[in-house]
Structures are given as C-alpha cells and as structure tokens.
Amino acid sequence: MTLGSQALRATATPEVDARPCAAAGSDAHADFGAFMREHADGVWRCLHALGIAGASLDDAAQDVFLVALRQWASYQERGTPRAWLFAIARRVAANHRRRDRHAHASTDTLTIDDGLDEAVAARQARALVEGFLAELPEERRLVFFLSEVEGWSAPEVAAALELNLNTVYSRLRRARAAFEPFLRRHGGRS
C-alpha cells in the first residue's frame, strides 16, 4: 500500500443509511441497500479525488447513489460494479464542479515529522496526496487515484475510463514519476 492509499483510506467516510432502500420492501431495494453499504466509501473517496469537497461531497455521493438506484433495474454487469459506479461518480462530479466553480478547496502542504502520532501523520500524508492530485492534469489524476489509492488493476482502470490499456500504463508511469519530486518539494517522505 502506498503513502497515498494509506492517507486517503484513512479519510473518514460518512455513515451510509440504507434503511430507505430496505423499507421499500422489495428484494431489489434491499439488494441495493447492501450494494450501497458495500461501495459507499469507495464512491466517497472517488468523488473526493475528482475534486469534490466539503458539503458538496456528501451531496455528490447521494447523487451517485440516486442515479444508481434509478438505473438499478436495468443494470447489466458489463464490467465491475465499482467501474459502473465510478462512471456515474465521474459524471456527477463534473456536474457538481460546474455548479460550484467559484468554490476552491485549498490544501496546505505539511511535512511529516517522526515524532508525530499516527493520526496527525495520516492527515498530513492525506494533505500531501491531495495536493499532488490537485496539481495533476485530470487524465493522470484519475488513473493515479484509481490505481494507487483505490488499488484498481490497470485493466480495470482502462475499462472504467474507456481507455486503451497502454494509455493507462503511460499516464500512470508519468504520474508516478511526478510524485517523487512533489514529495521532495513539499517535505514528505516516500
């Protein structure tokens, strides 16, 4: 697990309440409730990596699952469920960014000192990774996030982003090459 994945996985994710799905009474809604609980933190982290922050993050996560619920009956497994949710999250994030163009999330660059406790170090590492992701062009940011933070395989990333596999490898290589100098500039360790 990389520094980035440890940092972003340490990010608190919201509690998911799937009771409205289960209360609807149908097996399909109960199945969706379980599906939502299983994938909520991954959707939340993806939206965060796509540049959604603050209160908009919770709203966007809700929007992803509302779209998924509307499409649930017609969903056919053409790929993995997380790739399907990522495609939805990507569109939802674009819509939220269009609405929130004036709001910019700021990230402070912090150094990681040996004497700090794990919680503080995790927050600082997360800030470093978020700063790095913010500097990357979107096409490299998405590939880096899905591969290094979420742990997706290159073929999964290629399918989710509808890219050639070699393009994924190229973008990932370029993003990784930029990560080490970024850490040196901002006082972090690799």
N, C-alpha and C. Protein backbone atom coordinates (compact mmCIF):
# COMPACT_ATOMS: atom_id res chain seq x y z
N MET A 1 0.85 -1.17 0.00
CA MET A 1 0.00 0.00 0.00
C MET A 1 0.89 1.23 0.00
N THR A 2 0.60 2.19 -0.82
CA THR A 2 1.42 3.38 -0.95
C THR A 2 1.03 4.41 0.10
N LEU A 3 1.87 5.42 0.24
CA LEU A 3 1.58 6.53 1.14
C LEU A 3 0.24 7.14 0.79
N GLY A 4 -0.03 7.32 -0.50
CA GLY A 4 -1.28 7.92 -0.94
C GLY A 4 -2.48 7.09 -0.55
N SER A 5 -2.40 5.79 -0.75
CA SER A 5 -3.55 4.96 -0.43
C SER A 5 -3.78 4.91 1.07
N GLN A 6 -2.71 4.88 1.86
CA GLN A 6 -2.87 4.88 3.31
C GLN A 6 -3.52 6.18 3.76
N ALA A 7 -3.10 7.27 3.18
CA ALA A 7 -3.62 8.57 3.59
C ALA A 7 -5.08 8.74 3.22
N LEU A 8 -5.43 8.42 1.99
CA LEU A 8 -6.82 8.64 1.59
C LEU A 8 -7.75 7.58 2.15
N ARG A 9 -7.27 6.39 2.40
CA ARG A 9 -8.13 5.39 3.04
C ARG A 9 -8.38 5.76 4.50
N ALA A 10 -7.48 6.54 5.09
CA ALA A 10 -7.66 6.97 6.48
C ALA A 10 -8.70 8.07 6.59
N THR A 11 -9.09 8.66 5.48
CA THR A 11 -10.09 9.71 5.48
C THR A 11 -11.40 9.14 5.99
N ALA A 12 -12.01 9.84 6.91
CA ALA A 12 -13.28 9.36 7.43
C ALA A 12 -14.33 9.43 6.34
N THR A 13 -15.09 8.36 6.22
CA THR A 13 -16.16 8.35 5.24
C THR A 13 -17.48 8.42 5.98
N PRO A 14 -18.48 8.99 5.35
CA PRO A 14 -19.75 9.17 6.03
C PRO A 14 -20.45 7.84 6.26
N GLU A 15 -21.27 7.79 7.30
CA GLU A 15 -22.08 6.61 7.54
C GLU A 15 -23.18 6.58 6.48
N VAL A 16 -23.48 5.39 6.00
CA VAL A 16 -24.48 5.25 4.96
C VAL A 16 -25.73 4.66 5.59
N ASP A 17 -26.84 5.30 5.37
CA ASP A 17 -28.11 4.81 5.88
C ASP A 17 -28.90 4.24 4.72
N ALA A 18 -28.97 2.93 4.65
CA ALA A 18 -29.67 2.27 3.57
C ALA A 18 -31.08 1.88 3.97
N ARG A 19 -31.56 2.34 5.13
CA ARG A 19 -32.91 1.99 5.57
C ARG A 19 -33.99 2.38 4.58
N PRO A 20 -33.90 3.56 3.92
CA PRO A 20 -34.95 3.87 2.96
C PRO A 20 -35.05 2.83 1.85
N CYS A 21 -33.92 2.26 1.44
CA CYS A 21 -33.94 1.23 0.41
C CYS A 21 -34.60 -0.03 0.93
N ALA A 22 -34.24 -0.44 2.14
CA ALA A 22 -34.79 -1.66 2.70
C ALA A 22 -36.26 -1.48 3.06
N ALA A 23 -36.64 -0.26 3.48
CA ALA A 23 -38.01 0.00 3.87
C ALA A 23 -38.97 -0.08 2.70
N ALA A 24 -38.47 0.06 1.50
CA ALA A 24 -39.34 0.00 0.33
C ALA A 24 -39.94 -1.39 0.17
N GLY A 25 -39.34 -2.39 0.81
CA GLY A 25 -39.96 -3.70 0.87
C GLY A 25 -39.56 -4.67 -0.21
N SER A 26 -39.08 -4.24 -1.32
CA SER A 26 -38.75 -5.18 -2.39
C SER A 26 -37.35 -5.73 -2.20
N ASP A 27 -37.16 -6.93 -2.72
CA ASP A 27 -35.83 -7.54 -2.66
C ASP A 27 -34.82 -6.70 -3.41
N ALA A 28 -35.24 -6.10 -4.53
CA ALA A 28 -34.33 -5.28 -5.33
C ALA A 28 -33.82 -4.10 -4.51
N HIS A 29 -34.71 -3.46 -3.74
CA HIS A 29 -34.28 -2.34 -2.92
C HIS A 29 -33.40 -2.80 -1.77
N ALA A 30 -33.70 -3.95 -1.18
CA ALA A 30 -32.84 -4.49 -0.12
C ALA A 30 -31.47 -4.82 -0.68
N ASP A 31 -31.44 -5.40 -1.89
CA ASP A 31 -30.17 -5.70 -2.54
C ASP A 31 -29.40 -4.41 -2.80
N PHE A 32 -30.11 -3.37 -3.23
CA PHE A 32 -29.44 -2.10 -3.49
C PHE A 32 -28.89 -1.51 -2.20
N GLY A 33 -29.62 -1.65 -1.10
CA GLY A 33 -29.13 -1.15 0.18
C GLY A 33 -27.81 -1.81 0.57
N ALA A 34 -27.72 -3.10 0.39
CA ALA A 34 -26.47 -3.82 0.68
C ALA A 34 -25.36 -3.37 -0.27
N PHE A 35 -25.72 -3.20 -1.54
CA PHE A 35 -24.76 -2.74 -2.55
C PHE A 35 -24.23 -1.36 -2.17
N MET A 36 -25.12 -0.49 -1.74
CA MET A 36 -24.75 0.87 -1.37
C MET A 36 -23.80 0.86 -0.17
N ARG A 37 -24.12 0.07 0.84
CA ARG A 37 -23.24 -0.01 2.02
C ARG A 37 -21.86 -0.52 1.63
N GLU A 38 -21.82 -1.48 0.72
CA GLU A 38 -20.55 -2.08 0.30
C GLU A 38 -19.67 -1.08 -0.45
N HIS A 39 -20.27 -0.20 -1.24
CA HIS A 39 -19.49 0.67 -2.13
C HIS A 39 -19.46 2.14 -1.72
N ALA A 40 -20.10 2.50 -0.62
CA ALA A 40 -20.23 3.92 -0.25
C ALA A 40 -18.88 4.60 -0.03
N ASP A 41 -17.98 3.96 0.71
CA ASP A 41 -16.72 4.65 0.99
C ASP A 41 -15.86 4.78 -0.26
N GLY A 42 -15.92 3.82 -1.17
CA GLY A 42 -15.18 3.93 -2.43
C GLY A 42 -15.71 5.07 -3.29
N VAL A 43 -17.03 5.21 -3.35
CA VAL A 43 -17.64 6.31 -4.11
C VAL A 43 -17.23 7.64 -3.49
N TRP A 44 -17.28 7.70 -2.18
CA TRP A 44 -16.93 8.93 -1.47
C TRP A 44 -15.48 9.33 -1.77
N ARG A 45 -14.56 8.35 -1.70
CA ARG A 45 -13.15 8.65 -1.99
C ARG A 45 -12.95 9.06 -3.45
N CYS A 46 -13.65 8.39 -4.36
CA CYS A 46 -13.53 8.75 -5.79
C CYS A 46 -13.98 10.19 -6.02
N LEU A 47 -15.12 10.55 -5.45
CA LEU A 47 -15.61 11.92 -5.61
C LEU A 47 -14.63 12.92 -5.02
N HIS A 48 -14.06 12.58 -3.88
CA HIS A 48 -13.06 13.46 -3.26
C HIS A 48 -11.86 13.64 -4.18
N ALA A 49 -11.41 12.55 -4.78
CA ALA A 49 -10.27 12.62 -5.70
C ALA A 49 -10.62 13.38 -6.97
N LEU A 50 -11.89 13.40 -7.32
CA LEU A 50 -12.34 14.13 -8.51
C LEU A 50 -12.54 15.61 -8.23
N GLY A 51 -12.19 16.05 -7.02
CA GLY A 51 -12.22 17.47 -6.72
C GLY A 51 -13.44 17.96 -5.98
N ILE A 52 -14.27 17.08 -5.49
CA ILE A 52 -15.45 17.48 -4.74
C ILE A 52 -15.08 17.50 -3.26
N ALA A 53 -15.44 18.58 -2.56
CA ALA A 53 -15.04 18.71 -1.16
C ALA A 53 -16.19 19.29 -0.34
N GLY A 54 -16.02 19.24 0.96
CA GLY A 54 -16.96 19.85 1.89
C GLY A 54 -18.35 19.25 1.80
N ALA A 55 -19.34 20.12 1.99
CA ALA A 55 -20.73 19.68 1.96
C ALA A 55 -21.11 19.13 0.59
N SER A 56 -20.47 19.63 -0.44
CA SER A 56 -20.76 19.12 -1.78
C SER A 56 -20.40 17.65 -1.92
N LEU A 57 -19.44 17.18 -1.13
CA LEU A 57 -19.02 15.79 -1.21
C LEU A 57 -20.15 14.85 -0.78
N ASP A 58 -20.81 15.16 0.32
CA ASP A 58 -21.92 14.33 0.76
C ASP A 58 -23.08 14.39 -0.24
N ASP A 59 -23.35 15.59 -0.76
CA ASP A 59 -24.42 15.74 -1.75
C ASP A 59 -24.11 14.95 -3.01
N ALA A 60 -22.87 15.01 -3.46
CA ALA A 60 -22.48 14.29 -4.68
C ALA A 60 -22.58 12.78 -4.47
N ALA A 61 -22.16 12.29 -3.31
CA ALA A 61 -22.26 10.85 -3.03
C ALA A 61 -23.72 10.41 -3.05
N GLN A 62 -24.58 11.24 -2.48
CA GLN A 62 -26.01 10.94 -2.52
C GLN A 62 -26.51 10.90 -3.96
N ASP A 63 -26.08 11.86 -4.76
CA ASP A 63 -26.50 11.91 -6.17
C ASP A 63 -26.04 10.67 -6.93
N VAL A 64 -24.83 10.20 -6.65
CA VAL A 64 -24.34 8.99 -7.33
C VAL A 64 -25.28 7.82 -7.05
N PHE A 65 -25.65 7.65 -5.79
CA PHE A 65 -26.50 6.51 -5.45
C PHE A 65 -27.95 6.71 -5.91
N LEU A 66 -28.39 7.95 -6.03
CA LEU A 66 -29.72 8.18 -6.60
C LEU A 66 -29.75 7.78 -8.07
N VAL A 67 -28.71 8.16 -8.81
CA VAL A 67 -28.62 7.76 -10.22
C VAL A 67 -28.52 6.25 -10.32
N ALA A 68 -27.68 5.66 -9.47
CA ALA A 68 -27.51 4.20 -9.49
C ALA A 68 -28.83 3.49 -9.17
N LEU A 69 -29.58 4.02 -8.21
CA LEU A 69 -30.86 3.41 -7.86
C LEU A 69 -31.84 3.49 -9.03
N ARG A 70 -31.87 4.64 -9.72
CA ARG A 70 -32.75 4.77 -10.89
C ARG A 70 -32.37 3.78 -11.98
N GLN A 71 -31.08 3.50 -12.11
CA GLN A 71 -30.61 2.59 -13.17
C GLN A 71 -30.49 1.14 -12.69
N TRP A 72 -30.78 0.89 -11.42
CA TRP A 72 -30.56 -0.42 -10.81
C TRP A 72 -31.29 -1.54 -11.54
N ALA A 73 -32.54 -1.32 -11.89
CA ALA A 73 -33.33 -2.37 -12.54
C ALA A 73 -32.79 -2.73 -13.92
N SER A 74 -32.21 -1.76 -14.60
CA SER A 74 -31.72 -2.02 -15.95
C SER A 74 -30.22 -2.29 -15.99
N TYR A 75 -29.58 -2.29 -14.83
CA TYR A 75 -28.13 -2.51 -14.79
C TYR A 75 -27.81 -3.95 -15.19
N GLN A 76 -26.91 -4.07 -16.14
CA GLN A 76 -26.40 -5.37 -16.52
C GLN A 76 -24.90 -5.32 -16.31
N GLU A 77 -24.37 -6.35 -15.74
CA GLU A 77 -22.94 -6.34 -15.43
C GLU A 77 -22.11 -6.42 -16.69
N ARG A 78 -21.78 -5.25 -17.22
CA ARG A 78 -20.88 -5.17 -18.37
C ARG A 78 -19.44 -5.06 -17.89
N GLY A 79 -19.27 -4.69 -16.68
CA GLY A 79 -17.96 -4.56 -16.06
C GLY A 79 -18.15 -4.79 -14.58
N THR A 80 -17.22 -4.31 -13.80
CA THR A 80 -17.37 -4.48 -12.36
C THR A 80 -18.33 -3.42 -11.81
N PRO A 81 -19.00 -3.71 -10.70
CA PRO A 81 -19.89 -2.71 -10.12
C PRO A 81 -19.17 -1.41 -9.76
N ARG A 82 -17.93 -1.52 -9.30
CA ARG A 82 -17.24 -0.29 -8.94
C ARG A 82 -16.88 0.54 -10.17
N ALA A 83 -16.65 -0.10 -11.32
CA ALA A 83 -16.41 0.66 -12.55
C ALA A 83 -17.69 1.38 -12.97
N TRP A 84 -18.83 0.70 -12.83
CA TRP A 84 -20.12 1.31 -13.15
C TRP A 84 -20.36 2.52 -12.24
N LEU A 85 -20.13 2.35 -10.94
CA LEU A 85 -20.31 3.47 -10.01
C LEU A 85 -19.32 4.59 -10.28
N PHE A 86 -18.09 4.24 -10.65
CA PHE A 86 -17.11 5.28 -10.96
C PHE A 86 -17.56 6.10 -12.16
N ALA A 87 -18.11 5.46 -13.18
CA ALA A 87 -18.59 6.19 -14.35
C ALA A 87 -19.69 7.17 -13.94
N ILE A 88 -20.58 6.72 -13.07
CA ILE A 88 -21.64 7.61 -12.57
C ILE A 88 -21.02 8.74 -11.74
N ALA A 89 -20.08 8.39 -10.86
CA ALA A 89 -19.44 9.39 -10.00
C ALA A 89 -18.70 10.44 -10.82
N ARG A 90 -18.10 10.02 -11.89
CA ARG A 90 -17.36 10.96 -12.75
C ARG A 90 -18.31 12.00 -13.35
N ARG A 91 -19.48 11.55 -13.82
CA ARG A 91 -20.46 12.49 -14.38
C ARG A 91 -21.05 13.39 -13.30
N VAL A 92 -21.35 12.81 -12.15
CA VAL A 92 -21.90 13.60 -11.04
C VAL A 92 -20.88 14.65 -10.59
N ALA A 93 -19.61 14.27 -10.49
CA ALA A 93 -18.56 15.22 -10.08
C ALA A 93 -18.45 16.36 -11.07
N ALA A 94 -18.52 16.06 -12.36
CA ALA A 94 -18.45 17.12 -13.37
C ALA A 94 -19.62 18.09 -13.20
N ASN A 95 -20.81 17.56 -12.94
CA ASN A 95 -21.97 18.43 -12.72
C ASN A 95 -21.80 19.29 -11.47
N HIS A 96 -21.30 18.71 -10.39
CA HIS A 96 -21.09 19.47 -9.16
C HIS A 96 -20.01 20.53 -9.33
N ARG A 97 -18.95 20.20 -10.05
CA ARG A 97 -17.89 21.20 -10.29
C ARG A 97 -18.42 22.36 -11.11
N ARG A 98 -19.27 22.06 -12.09
CA ARG A 98 -19.86 23.15 -12.89
C ARG A 98 -20.68 24.07 -11.99
N ARG A 99 -21.42 23.50 -11.06
CA ARG A 99 -22.25 24.31 -10.17
C ARG A 99 -21.42 25.07 -9.14
N ASP A 100 -20.30 24.50 -8.75
CA ASP A 100 -19.50 25.08 -7.67
C ASP A 100 -18.18 25.68 -8.15
N ARG A 101 -18.15 26.20 -9.36
CA ARG A 101 -16.88 26.69 -9.93
C ARG A 101 -16.21 27.74 -9.05
N HIS A 102 -16.97 28.58 -8.39
CA HIS A 102 -16.38 29.66 -7.61
C HIS A 102 -15.71 29.17 -6.32
N ALA A 103 -16.09 27.99 -5.83
CA ALA A 103 -15.51 27.47 -4.59
C ALA A 103 -14.28 26.63 -4.91
N HIS A 104 -13.18 26.94 -4.29
CA HIS A 104 -11.94 26.18 -4.50
C HIS A 104 -11.51 25.60 -3.16
N ALA A 105 -11.22 24.32 -3.15
CA ALA A 105 -10.70 23.69 -1.94
C ALA A 105 -9.22 23.98 -1.85
N SER A 106 -8.77 24.38 -0.68
CA SER A 106 -7.34 24.63 -0.51
C SER A 106 -6.74 23.51 0.32
N THR A 107 -5.54 23.14 -0.04
CA THR A 107 -4.84 22.14 0.74
C THR A 107 -3.52 22.74 1.19
N ASP A 108 -3.22 22.53 2.44
CA ASP A 108 -1.96 23.01 2.98
C ASP A 108 -0.91 21.93 2.79
N THR A 109 0.29 22.37 2.50
CA THR A 109 1.38 21.41 2.39
C THR A 109 2.02 21.29 3.77
N LEU A 110 2.16 20.08 4.22
CA LEU A 110 2.69 19.83 5.54
C LEU A 110 3.85 18.85 5.45
N THR A 111 4.71 18.91 6.43
CA THR A 111 5.78 17.93 6.48
C THR A 111 5.42 16.86 7.49
N ILE A 112 5.96 15.69 7.27
CA ILE A 112 5.71 14.59 8.19
C ILE A 112 6.95 14.42 9.06
N ASP A 113 6.80 14.66 10.36
CA ASP A 113 7.90 14.53 11.30
C ASP A 113 7.80 13.19 12.02
N ASP A 114 8.95 12.64 12.38
CA ASP A 114 8.98 11.33 13.02
C ASP A 114 8.24 11.30 14.35
N GLY A 115 8.23 12.39 15.10
CA GLY A 115 7.66 12.38 16.43
C GLY A 115 6.14 12.51 16.48
N LEU A 116 5.48 12.68 15.38
CA LEU A 116 4.04 12.90 15.40
C LEU A 116 3.29 11.59 15.56
N ASP A 117 2.13 11.67 16.18
CA ASP A 117 1.34 10.45 16.31
C ASP A 117 0.72 10.07 14.97
N GLU A 118 0.21 8.85 14.87
CA GLU A 118 -0.26 8.31 13.60
C GLU A 118 -1.41 9.10 12.99
N ALA A 119 -2.32 9.58 13.81
CA ALA A 119 -3.47 10.32 13.27
C ALA A 119 -3.03 11.61 12.59
N VAL A 120 -2.13 12.32 13.23
CA VAL A 120 -1.64 13.57 12.64
C VAL A 120 -0.84 13.27 11.38
N ALA A 121 0.00 12.24 11.43
CA ALA A 121 0.79 11.86 10.26
C ALA A 121 -0.12 11.46 9.11
N ALA A 122 -1.21 10.76 9.40
CA ALA A 122 -2.14 10.35 8.34
C ALA A 122 -2.80 11.57 7.71
N ARG A 123 -3.18 12.56 8.54
CA ARG A 123 -3.78 13.78 8.00
C ARG A 123 -2.79 14.54 7.13
N GLN A 124 -1.55 14.59 7.57
CA GLN A 124 -0.53 15.29 6.80
C GLN A 124 -0.24 14.55 5.49
N ALA A 125 -0.18 13.24 5.55
CA ALA A 125 0.04 12.45 4.33
C ALA A 125 -1.12 12.66 3.37
N ARG A 126 -2.34 12.68 3.91
CA ARG A 126 -3.52 12.91 3.07
C ARG A 126 -3.43 14.27 2.40
N ALA A 127 -3.00 15.29 3.15
CA ALA A 127 -2.87 16.63 2.58
C ALA A 127 -1.83 16.64 1.45
N LEU A 128 -0.73 15.91 1.65
CA LEU A 128 0.28 15.82 0.59
C LEU A 128 -0.29 15.17 -0.66
N VAL A 129 -0.98 14.05 -0.47
CA VAL A 129 -1.54 13.34 -1.63
C VAL A 129 -2.60 14.19 -2.32
N GLU A 130 -3.45 14.85 -1.53
CA GLU A 130 -4.47 15.71 -2.13
C GLU A 130 -3.82 16.86 -2.90
N GLY A 131 -2.76 17.42 -2.36
CA GLY A 131 -2.04 18.48 -3.07
C GLY A 131 -1.46 17.98 -4.38
N PHE A 132 -0.90 16.78 -4.34
CA PHE A 132 -0.35 16.18 -5.56
C PHE A 132 -1.46 15.94 -6.58
N LEU A 133 -2.57 15.35 -6.14
CA LEU A 133 -3.68 15.08 -7.06
C LEU A 133 -4.21 16.38 -7.67
N ALA A 134 -4.24 17.44 -6.88
CA ALA A 134 -4.75 18.73 -7.39
C ALA A 134 -3.85 19.29 -8.48
N GLU A 135 -2.55 18.99 -8.43
CA GLU A 135 -1.62 19.51 -9.44
C GLU A 135 -1.62 18.71 -10.73
N LEU A 136 -2.05 17.46 -10.67
CA LEU A 136 -2.02 16.62 -11.87
C LEU A 136 -3.12 17.00 -12.85
N PRO A 137 -2.85 16.89 -14.14
CA PRO A 137 -3.94 17.02 -15.12
C PRO A 137 -4.97 15.91 -14.86
N GLU A 138 -6.23 16.18 -15.15
CA GLU A 138 -7.30 15.25 -14.78
C GLU A 138 -7.06 13.84 -15.29
N GLU A 139 -6.60 13.69 -16.54
CA GLU A 139 -6.46 12.34 -17.08
C GLU A 139 -5.43 11.53 -16.29
N ARG A 140 -4.36 12.16 -15.81
CA ARG A 140 -3.37 11.45 -14.99
C ARG A 140 -3.86 11.29 -13.56
N ARG A 141 -4.57 12.30 -13.06
CA ARG A 141 -5.09 12.24 -11.70
C ARG A 141 -6.02 11.04 -11.54
N LEU A 142 -6.92 10.85 -12.49
CA LEU A 142 -7.88 9.75 -12.38
C LEU A 142 -7.18 8.40 -12.42
N VAL A 143 -6.23 8.25 -13.32
CA VAL A 143 -5.50 6.98 -13.43
C VAL A 143 -4.70 6.73 -12.15
N PHE A 144 -3.99 7.75 -11.66
CA PHE A 144 -3.19 7.60 -10.44
C PHE A 144 -4.08 7.26 -9.25
N PHE A 145 -5.18 8.00 -9.10
CA PHE A 145 -6.07 7.76 -7.97
C PHE A 145 -6.63 6.35 -7.99
N LEU A 146 -7.17 5.94 -9.13
CA LEU A 146 -7.79 4.62 -9.19
C LEU A 146 -6.77 3.50 -8.97
N SER A 147 -5.59 3.66 -9.51
CA SER A 147 -4.57 2.63 -9.40
C SER A 147 -3.88 2.64 -8.04
N GLU A 148 -3.35 3.77 -7.64
CA GLU A 148 -2.51 3.83 -6.45
C GLU A 148 -3.29 3.97 -5.14
N VAL A 149 -4.41 4.67 -5.18
CA VAL A 149 -5.17 4.88 -3.95
C VAL A 149 -6.25 3.81 -3.79
N GLU A 150 -7.00 3.58 -4.84
CA GLU A 150 -8.08 2.60 -4.77
C GLU A 150 -7.62 1.17 -5.01
N GLY A 151 -6.43 1.01 -5.59
CA GLY A 151 -5.89 -0.33 -5.80
C GLY A 151 -6.47 -1.08 -6.99
N TRP A 152 -7.02 -0.35 -7.95
CA TRP A 152 -7.57 -0.99 -9.14
C TRP A 152 -6.43 -1.48 -10.03
N SER A 153 -6.67 -2.55 -10.75
CA SER A 153 -5.69 -3.02 -11.74
C SER A 153 -5.76 -2.12 -12.97
N ALA A 154 -4.69 -2.13 -13.76
CA ALA A 154 -4.67 -1.31 -14.98
C ALA A 154 -5.80 -1.68 -15.93
N PRO A 155 -6.12 -2.97 -16.14
CA PRO A 155 -7.26 -3.28 -17.00
C PRO A 155 -8.59 -2.74 -16.46
N GLU A 156 -8.77 -2.73 -15.13
CA GLU A 156 -9.99 -2.16 -14.56
C GLU A 156 -10.06 -0.65 -14.81
N VAL A 157 -8.93 0.02 -14.65
CA VAL A 157 -8.88 1.46 -14.90
C VAL A 157 -9.19 1.74 -16.36
N ALA A 158 -8.59 0.96 -17.25
CA ALA A 158 -8.82 1.14 -18.69
C ALA A 158 -10.30 0.98 -19.02
N ALA A 159 -10.94 -0.02 -18.44
CA ALA A 159 -12.36 -0.25 -18.71
C ALA A 159 -13.22 0.88 -18.16
N ALA A 160 -12.93 1.33 -16.94
CA ALA A 160 -13.73 2.38 -16.31
C ALA A 160 -13.60 3.71 -17.04
N LEU A 161 -12.39 4.00 -17.52
CA LEU A 161 -12.17 5.28 -18.19
C LEU A 161 -12.29 5.18 -19.71
N GLU A 162 -12.59 3.97 -20.19
CA GLU A 162 -12.72 3.71 -21.62
C GLU A 162 -11.46 4.15 -22.37
N LEU A 163 -10.31 3.66 -21.86
CA LEU A 163 -9.02 3.97 -22.44
C LEU A 163 -8.32 2.70 -22.91
N ASN A 164 -7.38 2.88 -23.83
CA ASN A 164 -6.51 1.79 -24.22
C ASN A 164 -5.63 1.45 -23.02
N LEU A 165 -5.35 0.17 -22.82
CA LEU A 165 -4.55 -0.26 -21.68
C LEU A 165 -3.17 0.39 -21.68
N ASN A 166 -2.55 0.52 -22.84
CA ASN A 166 -1.23 1.16 -22.91
C ASN A 166 -1.30 2.63 -22.52
N THR A 167 -2.41 3.29 -22.80
CA THR A 167 -2.59 4.68 -22.39
C THR A 167 -2.63 4.77 -20.87
N VAL A 168 -3.31 3.82 -20.24
CA VAL A 168 -3.36 3.79 -18.78
C VAL A 168 -1.96 3.63 -18.21
N TYR A 169 -1.20 2.68 -18.73
CA TYR A 169 0.16 2.46 -18.24
C TYR A 169 1.02 3.72 -18.43
N SER A 170 0.88 4.39 -19.56
CA SER A 170 1.66 5.59 -19.84
C SER A 170 1.32 6.71 -18.86
N ARG A 171 0.02 6.95 -18.65
CA ARG A 171 -0.39 8.01 -17.74
C ARG A 171 0.02 7.69 -16.31
N LEU A 172 -0.08 6.43 -15.93
CA LEU A 172 0.30 6.03 -14.58
C LEU A 172 1.81 6.21 -14.38
N ARG A 173 2.59 5.83 -15.36
CA ARG A 173 4.05 6.00 -15.27
C ARG A 173 4.41 7.48 -15.11
N ARG A 174 3.77 8.34 -15.89
CA ARG A 174 4.05 9.78 -15.82
C ARG A 174 3.62 10.36 -14.47
N ALA A 175 2.49 9.92 -13.95
CA ALA A 175 2.03 10.41 -12.64
C ALA A 175 2.97 9.94 -11.53
N ARG A 176 3.37 8.68 -11.58
CA ARG A 176 4.31 8.17 -10.56
C ARG A 176 5.63 8.92 -10.62
N ALA A 177 6.09 9.21 -11.82
CA ALA A 177 7.36 9.94 -11.98
C ALA A 177 7.26 11.34 -11.38
N ALA A 178 6.08 11.94 -11.40
CA ALA A 178 5.90 13.28 -10.84
C ALA A 178 5.73 13.26 -9.32
N PHE A 179 5.36 12.11 -8.76
CA PHE A 179 5.06 12.02 -7.33
C PHE A 179 6.31 12.20 -6.47
N GLU A 180 7.40 11.54 -6.80
CA GLU A 180 8.63 11.65 -6.00
C GLU A 180 9.13 13.10 -5.91
N PRO A 181 9.28 13.81 -7.05
CA PRO A 181 9.72 15.21 -6.94
C PRO A 181 8.74 16.07 -6.14
N PHE A 182 7.45 15.79 -6.26
CA PHE A 182 6.45 16.52 -5.48
C PHE A 182 6.71 16.33 -3.99
N LEU A 183 6.93 15.09 -3.58
CA LEU A 183 7.20 14.83 -2.17
C LEU A 183 8.46 15.54 -1.69
N ARG A 184 9.50 15.54 -2.50
CA ARG A 184 10.74 16.23 -2.12
C ARG A 184 10.50 17.73 -1.96
N ARG A 185 9.73 18.32 -2.88
CA ARG A 185 9.45 19.76 -2.82
C ARG A 185 8.64 20.13 -1.58
N HIS A 186 7.78 19.23 -1.14
CA HIS A 186 6.86 19.55 -0.05
C HIS A 186 7.25 18.90 1.27
N GLY A 187 8.44 18.36 1.35
CA GLY A 187 8.96 17.88 2.63
C GLY A 187 8.45 16.54 3.08
N GLY A 188 7.75 15.82 2.23
CA GLY A 188 7.26 14.50 2.62
C GLY A 188 8.29 13.44 2.31
N ARG A 189 8.03 12.24 2.82
CA ARG A 189 8.90 11.10 2.53
C ARG A 189 8.14 10.13 1.66
N SER A 190 8.85 9.39 0.82
CA SER A 190 8.18 8.38 0.00
C SER A 190 8.18 7.06 0.70
